[in-house]
């Protein structure tokens, strides 16, 4: 899953992605970006985008891979409460407005 949207805690991999972003560990996020596991691809893409929001410029190749992933429109299992899951498109979850909203919320809580 991606993250809890009803006030719960982030998933383990989401927390790891935030730690990697917080400590600017770009290498692992880049490996995730090309993982066979689509959820890890999502976390790699989100983590790299958040690094970009924090002032780290993405490479042309990273931007290209992220754009290609958005176009494929994979479905991601998205947590919408403790026992409610929804399928959301990769494109929807990678929407710039959604990414900035999540980034701001976690930044305000001191994660970044």
PDB file of N, CA and C in Angstrom:
ATOM      1  N   UNK A   1       0.813  -1.194   0.000  1.00  0.00           N
ATOM      2  CA  UNK A   1       0.000   0.000   0.000  1.00  0.00           C
ATOM      3  C   UNK A   1       0.849   1.247   0.000  1.00  0.00           C
ATOM      4  N   UNK A   2       0.212   2.357  -0.186  1.00  0.00           N
ATOM      5  CA  UNK A   2       0.876   3.655  -0.331  1.00  0.00           C
ATOM      6  C   UNK A   2       1.004   4.336   1.020  1.00  0.00           C
ATOM      7  N   UNK A   3      -0.099   4.681   1.624  1.00  0.00           N
ATOM      8  CA  UNK A   3      -0.091   5.320   2.944  1.00  0.00           C
ATOM      9  C   UNK A   3      -1.519   5.350   3.456  1.00  0.00           C
ATOM     10  N   UNK A   4      -1.673   5.538   4.743  1.00  0.00           N
ATOM     11  CA  UNK A   4      -3.001   5.618   5.322  1.00  0.00           C
ATOM     12  C   UNK A   4      -3.527   7.034   5.188  1.00  0.00           C
ATOM     13  N   UNK A   5      -4.765   7.173   4.717  1.00  0.00           N
ATOM     14  CA  UNK A   5      -5.315   8.516   4.509  1.00  0.00           C
ATOM     15  C   UNK A   5      -6.296   8.929   5.600  1.00  0.00           C
ATOM     16  N   UNK A   6      -6.433   8.129   6.649  1.00  0.00           N
ATOM     17  CA  UNK A   6      -7.357   8.493   7.723  1.00  0.00           C
ATOM     18  C   UNK A   6      -6.652   8.639   9.063  1.00  0.00           C
ATOM     19  N   UNK A   7      -5.491   9.257   9.071  1.00  0.00           N
ATOM     20  CA  UNK A   7      -4.825   9.583  10.327  1.00  0.00           C
ATOM     21  C   UNK A   7      -3.991   8.479  10.932  1.00  0.00           C
ATOM     22  N   UNK A   8      -3.870   7.348  10.251  1.00  0.00           N
ATOM     23  CA  UNK A   8      -3.042   6.267  10.770  1.00  0.00           C
ATOM     24  C   UNK A   8      -1.585   6.498  10.436  1.00  0.00           C
ATOM     25  N   UNK A   9      -0.778   5.528  10.731  1.00  0.00           N
ATOM     26  CA  UNK A   9       0.642   5.674  10.453  1.00  0.00           C
ATOM     27  C   UNK A   9       0.962   5.162   9.055  1.00  0.00           C
ATOM     28  N   UNK A  10       2.048   5.650   8.481  1.00  0.00           N
ATOM     29  CA  UNK A  10       2.449   5.177   7.152  1.00  0.00           C
ATOM     30  C   UNK A  10       2.856   3.712   7.195  1.00  0.00           C
ATOM     31  N   UNK A  11       2.788   3.061   6.055  1.00  0.00           N
ATOM     32  CA  UNK A  11       3.232   1.673   5.965  1.00  0.00           C
ATOM     33  C   UNK A  11       4.746   1.611   6.186  1.00  0.00           C
ATOM     34  N   UNK A  12       5.272   0.403   6.434  1.00  0.00           N
ATOM     35  CA  UNK A  12       6.708   0.241   6.686  1.00  0.00           C
ATOM     36  C   UNK A  12       7.553   0.750   5.526  1.00  0.00           C
ATOM     37  N   UNK A  13       7.209   0.368   4.307  1.00  0.00           N
ATOM     38  CA  UNK A  13       7.995   0.800   3.143  1.00  0.00           C
ATOM     39  C   UNK A  13       7.856   2.298   2.910  1.00  0.00           C
ATOM     40  N   UNK A  14       6.684   2.838   3.191  1.00  0.00           N
ATOM     41  CA  UNK A  14       6.488   4.279   3.050  1.00  0.00           C
ATOM     42  C   UNK A  14       7.381   5.000   4.057  1.00  0.00           C
ATOM     43  N   UNK A  15       7.450   4.487   5.289  1.00  0.00           N
ATOM     44  CA  UNK A  15       8.320   5.076   6.309  1.00  0.00           C
ATOM     45  C   UNK A  15       9.783   4.991   5.880  1.00  0.00           C
ATOM     46  N   UNK A  16      10.167   3.847   5.314  1.00  0.00           N
ATOM     47  CA  UNK A  16      11.541   3.697   4.838  1.00  0.00           C
ATOM     48  C   UNK A  16      11.833   4.703   3.728  1.00  0.00           C
ATOM     49  N   UNK A  17      10.866   4.900   2.830  1.00  0.00           N
ATOM     50  CA  UNK A  17      11.034   5.873   1.754  1.00  0.00           C
ATOM     51  C   UNK A  17      11.247   7.270   2.334  1.00  0.00           C
ATOM     52  N   UNK A  18      10.479   7.608   3.368  1.00  0.00           N
ATOM     53  CA  UNK A  18      10.635   8.930   3.977  1.00  0.00           C
ATOM     54  C   UNK A  18      11.996   9.074   4.650  1.00  0.00           C
ATOM     55  N   UNK A  19      12.464   8.013   5.318  1.00  0.00           N
ATOM     56  CA  UNK A  19      13.800   8.062   5.938  1.00  0.00           C
ATOM     57  C   UNK A  19      14.876   8.242   4.868  1.00  0.00           C
ATOM     58  N   UNK A  20      14.739   7.500   3.767  1.00  0.00           N
ATOM     59  CA  UNK A  20      15.705   7.635   2.677  1.00  0.00           C
ATOM     60  C   UNK A  20      15.699   9.065   2.131  1.00  0.00           C
ATOM     61  N   UNK A  21      14.520   9.615   1.972  1.00  0.00           N
ATOM     62  CA  UNK A  21      14.414  10.995   1.495  1.00  0.00           C
ATOM     63  C   UNK A  21      14.962  11.992   2.499  1.00  0.00           C
ATOM     64  N   UNK A  22      14.668  11.747   3.767  1.00  0.00           N
ATOM     65  CA  UNK A  22      15.120  12.661   4.809  1.00  0.00           C
ATOM     66  C   UNK A  22      16.646  12.714   4.892  1.00  0.00           C
ATOM     67  N   UNK A  23      17.284  11.559   4.679  1.00  0.00           N
ATOM     68  CA  UNK A  23      18.738  11.499   4.740  1.00  0.00           C
ATOM     69  C   UNK A  23      19.376  11.570   3.352  1.00  0.00           C
ATOM     70  N   UNK A  24      18.540  11.916   2.353  1.00  0.00           N
ATOM     71  CA  UNK A  24      18.989  12.104   0.978  1.00  0.00           C
ATOM     72  C   UNK A  24      19.724  10.878   0.428  1.00  0.00           C
ATOM     73  N   UNK A  25      19.178   9.705   0.714  1.00  0.00           N
ATOM     74  CA  UNK A  25      19.738   8.434   0.233  1.00  0.00           C
ATOM     75  C   UNK A  25      19.133   8.113  -1.132  1.00  0.00           C
ATOM     76  N   UNK A  26      19.633   8.750  -2.095  1.00  0.00           N
ATOM     77  CA  UNK A  26      19.086   8.685  -3.443  1.00  0.00           C
ATOM     78  C   UNK A  26      19.311   7.326  -4.113  1.00  0.00           C
ATOM     79  N   UNK A  27      20.425   6.674  -3.824  1.00  0.00           N
ATOM     80  CA  UNK A  27      20.811   5.447  -4.520  1.00  0.00           C
ATOM     81  C   UNK A  27      19.745   4.351  -4.386  1.00  0.00           C
ATOM     82  N   UNK A  28      19.244   4.133  -3.179  1.00  0.00           N
ATOM     83  CA  UNK A  28      18.241   3.085  -2.969  1.00  0.00           C
ATOM     84  C   UNK A  28      16.921   3.467  -3.645  1.00  0.00           C
ATOM     85  N   UNK A  29      16.559   4.742  -3.576  1.00  0.00           N
ATOM     86  CA  UNK A  29      15.337   5.203  -4.244  1.00  0.00           C
ATOM     87  C   UNK A  29      15.443   4.964  -5.753  1.00  0.00           C
ATOM     88  N   UNK A  30      16.621   5.183  -6.318  1.00  0.00           N
ATOM     89  CA  UNK A  30      16.825   4.932  -7.749  1.00  0.00           C
ATOM     90  C   UNK A  30      16.689   3.446  -8.067  1.00  0.00           C
ATOM     91  N   UNK A  31      17.182   2.570  -7.177  1.00  0.00           N
ATOM     92  CA  UNK A  31      17.031   1.117  -7.396  1.00  0.00           C
ATOM     93  C   UNK A  31      15.554   0.740  -7.341  1.00  0.00           C
ATOM     94  N   UNK A  32      14.828   1.320  -6.393  1.00  0.00           N
ATOM     95  CA  UNK A  32      13.402   1.036  -6.290  1.00  0.00           C
ATOM     96  C   UNK A  32      12.666   1.469  -7.553  1.00  0.00           C
ATOM     97  N   UNK A  33      13.091   2.561  -8.146  1.00  0.00           N
ATOM     98  CA  UNK A  33      12.430   3.113  -9.330  1.00  0.00           C
ATOM     99  C   UNK A  33      12.376   2.116 -10.482  1.00  0.00           C
ATOM    100  N   UNK A  34      13.317   1.192 -10.529  1.00  0.00           N
ATOM    101  CA  UNK A  34      13.348   0.208 -11.615  1.00  0.00           C
ATOM    102  C   UNK A  34      13.108  -1.219 -11.106  1.00  0.00           C
ATOM    103  N   UNK A  35      12.588  -1.347  -9.911  1.00  0.00           N
ATOM    104  CA  UNK A  35      12.299  -2.654  -9.313  1.00  0.00           C
ATOM    105  C   UNK A  35      11.195  -3.369 -10.089  1.00  0.00           C
ATOM    106  N   UNK A  36      11.208  -4.711 -10.086  1.00  0.00           N
ATOM    107  CA  UNK A  36      10.087  -5.457 -10.682  1.00  0.00           C
ATOM    108  C   UNK A  36       8.798  -5.296  -9.869  1.00  0.00           C
ATOM    109  N   UNK A  37       8.923  -4.906  -8.605  1.00  0.00           N
ATOM    110  CA  UNK A  37       7.765  -4.697  -7.728  1.00  0.00           C
ATOM    111  C   UNK A  37       7.204  -3.298  -7.959  1.00  0.00           C
ATOM    112  N   UNK A  38       5.970  -3.222  -8.433  1.00  0.00           N
ATOM    113  CA  UNK A  38       5.388  -1.923  -8.802  1.00  0.00           C
ATOM    114  C   UNK A  38       5.233  -1.000  -7.588  1.00  0.00           C
ATOM    115  N   UNK A  39       4.963  -1.553  -6.395  1.00  0.00           N
ATOM    116  CA  UNK A  39       4.867  -0.692  -5.213  1.00  0.00           C
ATOM    117  C   UNK A  39       6.216  -0.046  -4.904  1.00  0.00           C
ATOM    118  N   UNK A  40       7.301  -0.803  -5.059  1.00  0.00           N
ATOM    119  CA  UNK A  40       8.626  -0.208  -4.845  1.00  0.00           C
ATOM    120  C   UNK A  40       8.918   0.848  -5.904  1.00  0.00           C
ATOM    121  N   UNK A  41       8.448   0.616  -7.123  1.00  0.00           N
ATOM    122  CA  UNK A  41       8.609   1.642  -8.162  1.00  0.00           C
ATOM    123  C   UNK A  41       7.923   2.936  -7.736  1.00  0.00           C
ATOM    124  N   UNK A  42       6.719   2.791  -7.202  1.00  0.00           N
ATOM    125  CA  UNK A  42       5.982   3.960  -6.733  1.00  0.00           C
ATOM    126  C   UNK A  42       6.757   4.680  -5.631  1.00  0.00           C
ATOM    127  N   UNK A  43       7.250   3.917  -4.646  1.00  0.00           N
ATOM    128  CA  UNK A  43       7.988   4.542  -3.553  1.00  0.00           C
ATOM    129  C   UNK A  43       9.269   5.205  -4.053  1.00  0.00           C
ATOM    130  N   UNK A  44       9.942   4.571  -5.017  1.00  0.00           N
ATOM    131  CA  UNK A  44      11.129   5.184  -5.597  1.00  0.00           C
ATOM    132  C   UNK A  44      10.793   6.496  -6.288  1.00  0.00           C
ATOM    133  N   UNK A  45       9.707   6.484  -7.055  1.00  0.00           N
ATOM    134  CA  UNK A  45       9.288   7.690  -7.777  1.00  0.00           C
ATOM    135  C   UNK A  45       8.874   8.794  -6.816  1.00  0.00           C
ATOM    136  N   UNK A  46       8.075   8.453  -5.814  1.00  0.00           N
ATOM    137  CA  UNK A  46       7.634   9.455  -4.842  1.00  0.00           C
ATOM    138  C   UNK A  46       8.831  10.010  -4.076  1.00  0.00           C
ATOM    139  N   UNK A  47       9.703   9.124  -3.603  1.00  0.00           N
ATOM    140  CA  UNK A  47      10.878   9.567  -2.854  1.00  0.00           C
ATOM    141  C   UNK A  47      11.758  10.505  -3.661  1.00  0.00           C
ATOM    142  N   UNK A  48      11.974  10.166  -4.920  1.00  0.00           N
ATOM    143  CA  UNK A  48      12.793  11.031  -5.774  1.00  0.00           C
ATOM    144  C   UNK A  48      12.101  12.363  -6.045  1.00  0.00           C
ATOM    145  N   UNK A  49      10.804  12.326  -6.264  1.00  0.00           N
ATOM    146  CA  UNK A  49      10.068  13.586  -6.462  1.00  0.00           C
ATOM    147  C   UNK A  49      10.166  14.463  -5.211  1.00  0.00           C
ATOM    148  N   UNK A  50      10.074  13.838  -4.036  1.00  0.00           N
ATOM    149  CA  UNK A  50      10.168  14.612  -2.801  1.00  0.00           C
ATOM    150  C   UNK A  50      11.563  15.179  -2.604  1.00  0.00           C
ATOM    151  N   UNK A  51      12.590  14.432  -3.029  1.00  0.00           N
ATOM    152  CA  UNK A  51      13.951  14.991  -2.998  1.00  0.00           C
ATOM    153  C   UNK A  51      14.013  16.221  -3.896  1.00  0.00           C
ATOM    154  N   UNK A  52      13.346  16.120  -5.033  1.00  0.00           N
ATOM    155  CA  UNK A  52      13.297  17.247  -5.963  1.00  0.00           C
ATOM    156  C   UNK A  52      12.622  18.452  -5.303  1.00  0.00           C
ATOM    157  N   UNK A  53      11.522  18.234  -4.589  1.00  0.00           N
ATOM    158  CA  UNK A  53      10.859  19.330  -3.875  1.00  0.00           C
ATOM    159  C   UNK A  53      11.794  19.957  -2.852  1.00  0.00           C
ATOM    160  N   UNK A  54      12.681  19.129  -2.301  1.00  0.00           N
ATOM    161  CA  UNK A  54      13.638  19.617  -1.306  1.00  0.00           C
ATOM    162  C   UNK A  54      14.872  20.265  -1.906  1.00  0.00           C
ATOM    163  N   UNK A  55      14.905  20.402  -3.234  1.00  0.00           N
ATOM    164  CA  UNK A  55      15.986  21.128  -3.874  1.00  0.00           C
ATOM    165  C   UNK A  55      17.017  20.268  -4.580  1.00  0.00           C
ATOM    166  N   UNK A  56      16.841  18.950  -4.603  1.00  0.00           N
ATOM    167  CA  UNK A  56      17.779  18.078  -5.308  1.00  0.00           C
ATOM    168  C   UNK A  56      17.238  17.828  -6.707  1.00  0.00           C
ATOM    169  N   UNK A  57      18.016  18.196  -7.694  1.00  0.00           N
ATOM    170  CA  UNK A  57      17.577  18.065  -9.077  1.00  0.00           C
ATOM    171  C   UNK A  57      17.630  16.608  -9.530  1.00  0.00           C
ATOM    172  N   UNK A  58      16.562  16.160 -10.160  1.00  0.00           N
ATOM    173  CA  UNK A  58      16.526  14.807 -10.710  1.00  0.00           C
ATOM    174  C   UNK A  58      17.270  14.773 -12.034  1.00  0.00           C
ATOM    175  N   UNK A  59      17.847  13.612 -12.324  1.00  0.00           N
ATOM    176  CA  UNK A  59      18.510  13.453 -13.616  1.00  0.00           C
ATOM    177  C   UNK A  59      17.442  13.336 -14.709  1.00  0.00           C
ATOM    178  N   UNK A  60      17.863  13.549 -15.914  1.00  0.00           N
ATOM    179  CA  UNK A  60      16.959  13.413 -17.057  1.00  0.00           C
ATOM    180  C   UNK A  60      16.402  11.991 -17.124  1.00  0.00           C
ATOM    181  N   UNK A  61      17.263  11.013 -16.852  1.00  0.00           N
ATOM    182  CA  UNK A  61      16.849   9.599 -16.889  1.00  0.00           C
ATOM    183  C   UNK A  61      15.805   9.305 -15.821  1.00  0.00           C
ATOM    184  N   UNK A  62      16.001   9.830 -14.605  1.00  0.00           N
ATOM    185  CA  UNK A  62      15.023   9.622 -13.529  1.00  0.00           C
ATOM    186  C   UNK A  62      13.673  10.220 -13.907  1.00  0.00           C
ATOM    187  N   UNK A  63      13.690  11.429 -14.439  1.00  0.00           N
ATOM    188  CA  UNK A  63      12.441  12.068 -14.860  1.00  0.00           C
ATOM    189  C   UNK A  63      11.763  11.267 -15.967  1.00  0.00           C
ATOM    190  N   UNK A  64      12.566  10.753 -16.886  1.00  0.00           N
ATOM    191  CA  UNK A  64      12.041   9.960 -17.995  1.00  0.00           C
ATOM    192  C   UNK A  64      11.364   8.686 -17.482  1.00  0.00           C
ATOM    193  N   UNK A  65      12.007   7.984 -16.546  1.00  0.00           N
ATOM    194  CA  UNK A  65      11.432   6.750 -15.994  1.00  0.00           C
ATOM    195  C   UNK A  65      10.137   7.054 -15.259  1.00  0.00           C
ATOM    196  N   UNK A  66      10.121   8.110 -14.464  1.00  0.00           N
ATOM    197  CA  UNK A  66       8.911   8.496 -13.726  1.00  0.00           C
ATOM    198  C   UNK A  66       7.776   8.817 -14.698  1.00  0.00           C
ATOM    199  N   UNK A  67       8.075   9.566 -15.740  1.00  0.00           N
ATOM    200  CA  UNK A  67       7.048   9.891 -16.744  1.00  0.00           C
ATOM    201  C   UNK A  67       6.521   8.634 -17.438  1.00  0.00           C
ATOM    202  N   UNK A  68       7.408   7.693 -17.762  1.00  0.00           N
ATOM    203  CA  UNK A  68       6.989   6.432 -18.387  1.00  0.00           C
ATOM    204  C   UNK A  68       6.084   5.637 -17.448  1.00  0.00           C
ATOM    205  N   UNK A  69       6.427   5.614 -16.164  1.00  0.00           N
ATOM    206  CA  UNK A  69       5.597   4.889 -15.193  1.00  0.00           C
ATOM    207  C   UNK A  69       4.209   5.493 -15.101  1.00  0.00           C
ATOM    208  N   UNK A  70       4.133   6.808 -15.120  1.00  0.00           N
ATOM    209  CA  UNK A  70       2.830   7.490 -15.066  1.00  0.00           C
ATOM    210  C   UNK A  70       1.971   7.109 -16.273  1.00  0.00           C
ATOM    211  N   UNK A  71       2.590   7.005 -17.422  1.00  0.00           N
ATOM    212  CA  UNK A  71       1.856   6.680 -18.649  1.00  0.00           C
ATOM    213  C   UNK A  71       1.330   5.252 -18.654  1.00  0.00           C
ATOM    214  N   UNK A  72       2.007   4.335 -17.969  1.00  0.00           N
ATOM    215  CA  UNK A  72       1.564   2.941 -17.944  1.00  0.00           C
ATOM    216  C   UNK A  72       0.330   2.775 -17.072  1.00  0.00           C
ATOM    217  N   UNK A  73       0.112   3.682 -16.173  1.00  0.00           N
ATOM    218  CA  UNK A  73      -1.099   3.724 -15.360  1.00  0.00           C
ATOM    219  C   UNK A  73      -1.366   2.425 -14.592  1.00  0.00           C
ATOM    220  N   UNK A  74      -0.329   1.905 -13.949  1.00  0.00           N
ATOM    221  CA  UNK A  74      -0.478   0.732 -13.098  1.00  0.00           C
ATOM    222  C   UNK A  74      -1.486   1.003 -11.988  1.00  0.00           C
ATOM    223  N   UNK A  75      -2.142  -0.053 -11.514  1.00  0.00           N
ATOM    224  CA  UNK A  75      -3.040   0.092 -10.366  1.00  0.00           C
ATOM    225  C   UNK A  75      -2.286  -0.269  -9.105  1.00  0.00           C
ATOM    226  N   UNK A  76      -2.443   0.546  -8.064  1.00  0.00           N
ATOM    227  CA  UNK A  76      -1.747   0.388  -6.797  1.00  0.00           C
ATOM    228  C   UNK A  76      -2.773   0.179  -5.694  1.00  0.00           C
ATOM    229  N   UNK A  77      -2.490  -0.750  -4.788  1.00  0.00           N
ATOM    230  CA  UNK A  77      -3.333  -0.961  -3.629  1.00  0.00           C
ATOM    231  C   UNK A  77      -3.099   0.195  -2.665  1.00  0.00           C
ATOM    232  N   UNK A  78      -4.126   0.976  -2.403  1.00  0.00           N
ATOM    233  CA  UNK A  78      -4.019   2.197  -1.619  1.00  0.00           C
ATOM    234  C   UNK A  78      -4.817   2.029  -0.336  1.00  0.00           C
ATOM    235  N   UNK A  79      -4.184   2.245   0.802  1.00  0.00           N
ATOM    236  CA  UNK A  79      -4.870   2.131   2.091  1.00  0.00           C
ATOM    237  C   UNK A  79      -5.759   3.348   2.303  1.00  0.00           C
ATOM    238  N   UNK A  80      -7.027   3.111   2.568  1.00  0.00           N
ATOM    239  CA  UNK A  80      -7.967   4.202   2.807  1.00  0.00           C
ATOM    240  C   UNK A  80      -8.634   4.041   4.170  1.00  0.00           C
ATOM    241  N   UNK A  81      -7.966   3.436   5.106  1.00  0.00           N
ATOM    242  CA  UNK A  81      -8.495   3.175   6.442  1.00  0.00           C
ATOM    243  C   UNK A  81      -7.963   1.838   6.918  1.00  0.00           C
ATOM    244  N   UNK A  82      -8.182   1.525   8.150  1.00  0.00           N
ATOM    245  CA  UNK A  82      -7.567   0.330   8.743  1.00  0.00           C
ATOM    246  C   UNK A  82      -7.909  -0.968   8.028  1.00  0.00           C
ATOM    247  N   UNK A  83      -9.080  -1.070   7.447  1.00  0.00           N
ATOM    248  CA  UNK A  83      -9.433  -2.317   6.767  1.00  0.00           C
ATOM    249  C   UNK A  83     -10.046  -2.074   5.394  1.00  0.00           C
ATOM    250  N   UNK A  84      -9.860  -0.874   4.875  1.00  0.00           N
ATOM    251  CA  UNK A  84     -10.432  -0.525   3.581  1.00  0.00           C
ATOM    252  C   UNK A  84      -9.300  -0.234   2.610  1.00  0.00           C
ATOM    253  N   UNK A  85      -9.298  -0.947   1.503  1.00  0.00           N
ATOM    254  CA  UNK A  85      -8.271  -0.724   0.488  1.00  0.00           C
ATOM    255  C   UNK A  85      -8.943  -0.391  -0.831  1.00  0.00           C
ATOM    256  N   UNK A  86      -8.311   0.462  -1.579  1.00  0.00           N
ATOM    257  CA  UNK A  86      -8.819   0.847  -2.886  1.00  0.00           C
ATOM    258  C   UNK A  86      -7.707   0.647  -3.898  1.00  0.00           C
ATOM    259  N   UNK A  87      -8.077   0.456  -5.136  1.00  0.00           N
ATOM    260  CA  UNK A  87      -7.097   0.461  -6.208  1.00  0.00           C
ATOM    261  C   UNK A  87      -7.077   1.863  -6.798  1.00  0.00           C
ATOM    262  N   UNK A  88      -5.916   2.447  -6.823  1.00  0.00           N
ATOM    263  CA  UNK A  88      -5.741   3.770  -7.414  1.00  0.00           C
ATOM    264  C   UNK A  88      -4.707   3.649  -8.518  1.00  0.00           C
ATOM    265  N   UNK A  89      -4.803   4.510  -9.496  1.00  0.00           N
ATOM    266  CA  UNK A  89      -3.836   4.466 -10.588  1.00  0.00           C
ATOM    267  C   UNK A  89      -2.531   5.122 -10.157  1.00  0.00           C
ATOM    268  N   UNK A  90      -1.450   4.623 -10.710  1.00  0.00           N
ATOM    269  CA  UNK A  90      -0.127   5.198 -10.465  1.00  0.00           C
ATOM    270  C   UNK A  90      -0.152   6.680 -10.811  1.00  0.00           C
ATOM    271  N   UNK A  91      -0.788   6.993 -11.929  1.00  0.00           N
ATOM    272  CA  UNK A  91      -0.865   8.386 -12.378  1.00  0.00           C
ATOM    273  C   UNK A  91      -1.568   9.264 -11.344  1.00  0.00           C
ATOM    274  N   UNK A  92      -2.660   8.774 -10.768  1.00  0.00           N
ATOM    275  CA  UNK A  92      -3.401   9.543  -9.771  1.00  0.00           C
ATOM    276  C   UNK A  92      -2.556   9.771  -8.516  1.00  0.00           C
ATOM    277  N   UNK A  93      -1.858   8.728  -8.068  1.00  0.00           N
ATOM    278  CA  UNK A  93      -1.044   8.858  -6.870  1.00  0.00           C
ATOM    279  C   UNK A  93       0.183   9.728  -7.102  1.00  0.00           C
ATOM    280  N   UNK A  94       0.647   9.787  -8.361  1.00  0.00           N
ATOM    281  CA  UNK A  94       1.813  10.602  -8.703  1.00  0.00           C
ATOM    282  C   UNK A  94       1.425  11.996  -9.183  1.00  0.00           C
ATOM    283  N   UNK A  95       0.149  12.320  -9.115  1.00  0.00           N
ATOM    284  CA  UNK A  95      -0.315  13.649  -9.479  1.00  0.00           C
ATOM    285  C   UNK A  95       0.427  14.677  -8.625  1.00  0.00           C
ATOM    286  N   UNK A  96       0.940  15.714  -9.260  1.00  0.00           N
ATOM    287  CA  UNK A  96       1.764  16.701  -8.561  1.00  0.00           C
ATOM    288  C   UNK A  96       1.044  17.309  -7.353  1.00  0.00           C
ATOM    289  N   UNK A  97      -0.244  17.557  -7.496  1.00  0.00           N
ATOM    290  CA  UNK A  97      -1.015  18.136  -6.385  1.00  0.00           C
ATOM    291  C   UNK A  97      -1.055  17.174  -5.187  1.00  0.00           C
ATOM    292  N   UNK A  98      -1.312  15.893  -5.452  1.00  0.00           N
ATOM    293  CA  UNK A  98      -1.344  14.895  -4.384  1.00  0.00           C
ATOM    294  C   UNK A  98       0.030  14.739  -3.731  1.00  0.00           C
ATOM    295  N   UNK A  99       1.081  14.674  -4.548  1.00  0.00           N
ATOM    296  CA  UNK A  99       2.429  14.528  -4.015  1.00  0.00           C
ATOM    297  C   UNK A  99       2.800  15.702  -3.107  1.00  0.00           C
ATOM    298  N   UNK A 100       2.472  16.905  -3.552  1.00  0.00           N
ATOM    299  CA  UNK A 100       2.798  18.092  -2.755  1.00  0.00           C
ATOM    300  C   UNK A 100       1.999  18.125  -1.457  1.00  0.00           C
ATOM    301  N   UNK A 101       0.750  17.663  -1.515  1.00  0.00           N
ATOM    302  CA  UNK A 101      -0.092  17.631  -0.312  1.00  0.00           C
ATOM    303  C   UNK A 101       0.503  16.675   0.727  1.00  0.00           C
ATOM    304  N   UNK A 102       0.859  15.454   0.293  1.00  0.00           N
ATOM    305  CA  UNK A 102       1.481  14.495   1.199  1.00  0.00           C
ATOM    306  C   UNK A 102       2.817  15.026   1.711  1.00  0.00           C
ATOM    307  N   UNK A 103       3.623  15.577   0.816  1.00  0.00           N
ATOM    308  CA  UNK A 103       4.942  16.095   1.188  1.00  0.00           C
ATOM    309  C   UNK A 103       4.795  17.181   2.255  1.00  0.00           C
ATOM    310  N   UNK A 104       3.882  18.119   2.034  1.00  0.00           N
ATOM    311  CA  UNK A 104       3.669  19.204   2.997  1.00  0.00           C
ATOM    312  C   UNK A 104       3.203  18.678   4.347  1.00  0.00           C
ATOM    313  N   UNK A 105       2.291  17.706   4.318  1.00  0.00           N
ATOM    314  CA  UNK A 105       1.776  17.148   5.574  1.00  0.00           C
ATOM    315  C   UNK A 105       2.896  16.494   6.379  1.00  0.00           C
ATOM    316  N   UNK A 106       3.728  15.699   5.716  1.00  0.00           N
ATOM    317  CA  UNK A 106       4.817  15.042   6.431  1.00  0.00           C
ATOM    318  C   UNK A 106       5.913  16.027   6.819  1.00  0.00           C
ATOM    319  N   UNK A 107       6.138  17.034   5.999  1.00  0.00           N
ATOM    320  CA  UNK A 107       7.138  18.062   6.334  1.00  0.00           C
ATOM    321  C   UNK A 107       6.692  18.828   7.583  1.00  0.00           C
ATOM    322  N   UNK A 108       5.409  19.153   7.639  1.00  0.00           N
ATOM    323  CA  UNK A 108       4.863  19.872   8.799  1.00  0.00           C
ATOM    324  C   UNK A 108       4.942  19.043  10.078  1.00  0.00           C
ATOM    325  N   UNK A 109       4.966  17.716   9.924  1.00  0.00           N
ATOM    326  CA  UNK A 109       5.087  16.834  11.085  1.00  0.00           C
ATOM    327  C   UNK A 109       6.542  16.556  11.463  1.00  0.00           C
ATOM    328  N   UNK A 110       7.472  17.183  10.712  1.00  0.00           N
ATOM    329  CA  UNK A 110       8.876  17.078  11.050  1.00  0.00           C
ATOM    330  C   UNK A 110       9.645  15.946  10.393  1.00  0.00           C
ATOM    331  N   UNK A 111       9.053  15.287   9.396  1.00  0.00           N
ATOM    332  CA  UNK A 111       9.753  14.205   8.721  1.00  0.00           C
ATOM    333  C   UNK A 111      10.851  14.717   7.818  1.00  0.00           C
ATOM    334  N   UNK A 112      10.689  15.932   7.281  1.00  0.00           N
ATOM    335  CA  UNK A 112      11.698  16.476   6.365  1.00  0.00           C
ATOM    336  C   UNK A 112      12.198  17.794   6.903  1.00  0.00           C
TER     337      UNK A 112
END
